[in-house]
Amino acid sequence: MFPTEVSNLPGQIEAALQFLRFTEEIVAPKNYGGGTPEAGRDLSRTELEVKDSALTVLLEYFNHPVPAPEQRQSLQPSAAISKPGELPT
């Protein structure tokens, strides 16, 4: 459901994804052994508030519009910008 490799995402996004995984384990724990299945529990009010915040952060991050080409060039380091046909230095 969630990407497993999130090392290239900003720390806040990674933390939000980890908290959502944590809440899924609380509500519906995975039973790996052959023993008695564990029952989940409802999230506390604080956990629900943090979950809402995590979802808001993710929505804002992933729904953020892509910068215009002019803005993308201004975000790149000046050394990385080169003329057509030249190799970056």
Protein backbone atom coordinates (compact mmCIF):
# COMPACT_ATOMS: atom_id res chain seq x y z
CA MET A 1 0.00 0.00 0.00
CA PHE A 2 2.78 2.44 0.90
CA PRO A 3 6.12 2.63 -0.84
CA THR A 4 8.80 0.73 1.02
CA GLU A 5 11.73 2.85 -0.21
CA VAL A 6 11.19 6.37 1.10
CA SER A 7 14.79 7.38 1.75
CA ASN A 8 14.68 9.98 -1.01
CA LEU A 9 11.64 11.75 0.45
CA PRO A 10 11.92 14.66 2.86
CA GLY A 11 12.00 13.70 6.53
CA GLN A 12 8.53 15.02 7.29
CA ILE A 13 6.99 12.91 4.52
CA GLU A 14 8.89 9.83 5.66
CA ALA A 15 7.71 10.38 9.24
CA ALA A 16 4.10 10.78 8.09
CA LEU A 17 4.27 7.52 6.14
CA GLN A 18 5.83 5.68 9.08
CA PHE A 19 3.13 6.95 11.44
CA LEU A 20 0.41 5.79 9.05
CA ARG A 21 2.00 2.32 8.95
CA PHE A 22 2.13 2.37 12.76
CA THR A 23 -1.58 3.21 13.02
CA GLU A 24 -2.43 0.41 10.59
CA GLU A 25 -0.59 -2.05 12.85
CA ILE A 26 -2.55 -0.78 15.87
CA VAL A 27 -5.95 -1.09 14.19
CA ALA A 28 -5.27 -4.33 12.30
CA PRO A 29 -2.15 -6.11 13.57
CA LYS A 30 -0.61 -8.66 11.25
CA ASN A 31 -0.46 -12.13 12.70
CA TYR A 32 2.72 -13.72 11.40
CA GLY A 33 2.77 -16.80 13.58
CA GLY A 34 0.38 -19.66 13.66
CA GLY A 35 -0.80 -18.67 17.14
CA THR A 36 -3.92 -16.94 18.32
CA PRO A 37 -4.72 -13.88 16.18
CA GLU A 38 -4.28 -10.58 17.99
CA ALA A 39 -7.17 -8.16 17.99
CA GLY A 40 -6.58 -4.55 17.04
CA ARG A 41 -7.76 -1.56 19.00
CA ASP A 42 -9.26 1.80 18.20
CA LEU A 43 -6.90 4.75 17.96
CA SER A 44 -6.88 7.23 20.83
CA ARG A 45 -7.96 10.81 20.25
CA THR A 46 -4.33 11.97 20.14
CA GLU A 47 -3.39 9.23 17.66
CA LEU A 48 -6.32 10.22 15.44
CA GLU A 49 -5.24 13.89 15.54
CA VAL A 50 -1.67 12.99 14.59
CA LYS A 51 -2.95 10.68 11.85
CA ASP A 52 -5.05 13.55 10.45
CA SER A 53 -1.99 15.81 10.51
CA ALA A 54 0.10 13.16 8.74
CA LEU A 55 -2.55 12.76 6.05
CA THR A 56 -2.75 16.55 5.61
CA VAL A 57 1.05 16.78 5.18
CA LEU A 58 0.98 14.02 2.56
CA LEU A 59 -1.94 15.58 0.68
CA GLU A 60 -0.25 18.98 0.62
CA TYR A 61 3.05 17.44 -0.51
CA PHE A 62 1.69 15.21 -3.26
CA ASN A 63 -0.94 17.69 -4.51
CA HIS A 64 1.56 20.53 -4.75
CA PRO A 65 1.68 21.77 -8.35
CA VAL A 66 4.80 21.14 -10.41
CA PRO A 67 6.90 24.31 -10.70
CA ALA A 68 6.93 26.10 -14.06
CA PRO A 69 10.08 25.56 -16.17
CA GLU A 70 11.37 29.03 -15.23
CA GLN A 71 11.04 28.21 -11.53
CA ARG A 72 12.72 24.80 -11.94
CA GLN A 73 15.79 26.42 -13.48
CA SER A 74 16.01 28.94 -10.63
CA LEU A 75 15.92 26.07 -8.12
CA GLN A 76 18.93 24.32 -9.68
CA PRO A 77 22.45 25.26 -8.62
CA SER A 78 24.11 27.68 -11.05
CA ALA A 79 26.92 25.20 -11.75
CA ALA A 80 24.41 22.64 -13.01
CA ILE A 81 22.96 25.03 -15.63
CA SER A 82 24.85 24.84 -18.89
CA LYS A 83 24.35 25.88 -22.48
CA PRO A 84 22.95 23.33 -24.92
CA GLY A 85 25.66 20.95 -26.10
CA GLU A 86 27.95 21.60 -23.12
CA LEU A 87 28.65 19.09 -20.42
CA PRO A 88 27.94 20.21 -16.83
CA THR A 89 31.03 21.12 -14.81
